[in-house]
């Protein structure tokens, strides 16, 4: 059984990192969740989280590529053109 919530975050450690990742994911912040899990301080915990972190980073890269593509394809408002 692991600790969750603000008390776990304040205590730190593995439970704290997992609780932090859960909290920011609930708010839709995938990048912050990756950052929280990258801070896992044991080899076993880091290894367990590695596949999820890799998939999350791939998702973030796709999201950024879509933003870049949309910016280059969609017409800019006339007021912002130079």
Protein backbone atom coordinates (compact mmCIF):
# COMPACT_ATOMS: atom_id res chain seq x y z
CA UNK A 1 0.00 0.00 0.00
CA UNK A 2 1.42 3.38 -0.92
CA UNK A 3 0.74 6.84 0.39
CA UNK A 4 -1.13 9.30 -1.84
CA UNK A 5 -2.14 12.94 -1.84
CA UNK A 6 -0.43 16.06 -0.53
CA UNK A 7 1.08 14.29 2.49
CA UNK A 8 2.85 11.82 0.22
CA UNK A 9 4.13 14.64 -2.00
CA UNK A 10 5.48 16.49 1.02
CA UNK A 11 7.17 13.33 2.34
CA UNK A 12 8.96 12.76 -0.97
CA UNK A 13 10.43 9.45 -2.02
CA UNK A 14 8.78 7.08 -4.44
CA UNK A 15 5.30 7.57 -3.04
CA UNK A 16 5.74 11.32 -3.25
CA UNK A 17 6.86 11.22 -6.87
CA UNK A 18 3.97 8.95 -7.83
CA UNK A 19 1.47 11.14 -5.97
CA UNK A 20 2.88 14.24 -7.66
CA UNK A 21 2.60 12.59 -11.08
CA UNK A 22 -1.00 11.61 -10.36
CA UNK A 23 -1.85 15.11 -9.22
CA UNK A 24 -0.46 16.87 -12.28
CA UNK A 25 -1.93 14.28 -14.64
CA UNK A 26 -5.34 14.95 -13.13
CA UNK A 27 -4.80 18.57 -14.21
CA UNK A 28 -3.77 17.48 -17.72
CA UNK A 29 -0.06 18.28 -17.39
CA UNK A 30 1.73 15.33 -18.98
CA UNK A 31 5.10 17.10 -19.09
CA UNK A 32 5.04 17.73 -15.34
CA UNK A 33 4.16 14.07 -14.73
CA UNK A 34 7.16 12.99 -16.78
CA UNK A 35 9.36 15.34 -14.78
CA UNK A 36 8.02 13.95 -11.51
CA UNK A 37 8.67 10.36 -12.53
CA UNK A 38 12.10 11.11 -13.93
CA UNK A 39 13.00 12.05 -10.37
CA UNK A 40 12.44 8.54 -9.02
CA UNK A 41 15.49 7.83 -6.92
CA UNK A 42 15.81 4.05 -6.98
CA UNK A 43 16.89 1.91 -9.89
CA UNK A 44 13.91 -0.42 -9.51
CA UNK A 45 11.37 2.42 -9.48
CA UNK A 46 13.05 4.15 -12.41
CA UNK A 47 13.09 0.90 -14.39
CA UNK A 48 9.42 0.28 -13.64
CA UNK A 49 8.46 3.78 -14.78
CA UNK A 50 10.74 3.84 -17.85
CA UNK A 51 8.25 2.40 -20.39
CA UNK A 52 5.55 4.85 -19.28
CA UNK A 53 7.98 7.78 -19.37
CA UNK A 54 9.13 6.78 -22.86
CA UNK A 55 5.54 6.59 -24.14
CA UNK A 56 4.66 9.90 -22.48
CA UNK A 57 7.67 11.61 -24.07
CA UNK A 58 6.63 10.23 -27.46
CA UNK A 59 3.15 11.66 -26.92
CA UNK A 60 4.61 15.05 -25.98
CA UNK A 61 6.75 15.01 -29.14
CA UNK A 62 3.69 14.24 -31.27
CA UNK A 63 1.72 17.02 -29.58
CA UNK A 64 4.55 19.49 -30.27
CA UNK A 65 4.83 18.35 -33.89
CA UNK A 66 1.09 18.92 -34.36
CA UNK A 67 1.35 22.43 -32.91
CA UNK A 68 4.23 23.19 -35.27
CA UNK A 69 2.37 21.75 -38.25
CA UNK A 70 -0.80 23.65 -37.45
CA UNK A 71 1.14 26.89 -37.11
CA UNK A 72 2.77 26.41 -40.50
CA UNK A 73 -0.40 25.31 -42.32
CA UNK A 74 -3.15 27.44 -40.85
CA UNK A 75 -3.41 30.99 -42.15
CA UNK A 76 -2.29 33.70 -39.76
CA UNK A 77 -4.62 36.60 -38.95
CA UNK A 78 -3.96 39.62 -41.18
CA UNK A 79 -3.05 41.78 -38.17
CA UNK A 80 -0.13 39.53 -37.26
CA UNK A 81 1.43 39.39 -40.74
CA UNK A 82 4.61 41.35 -41.29
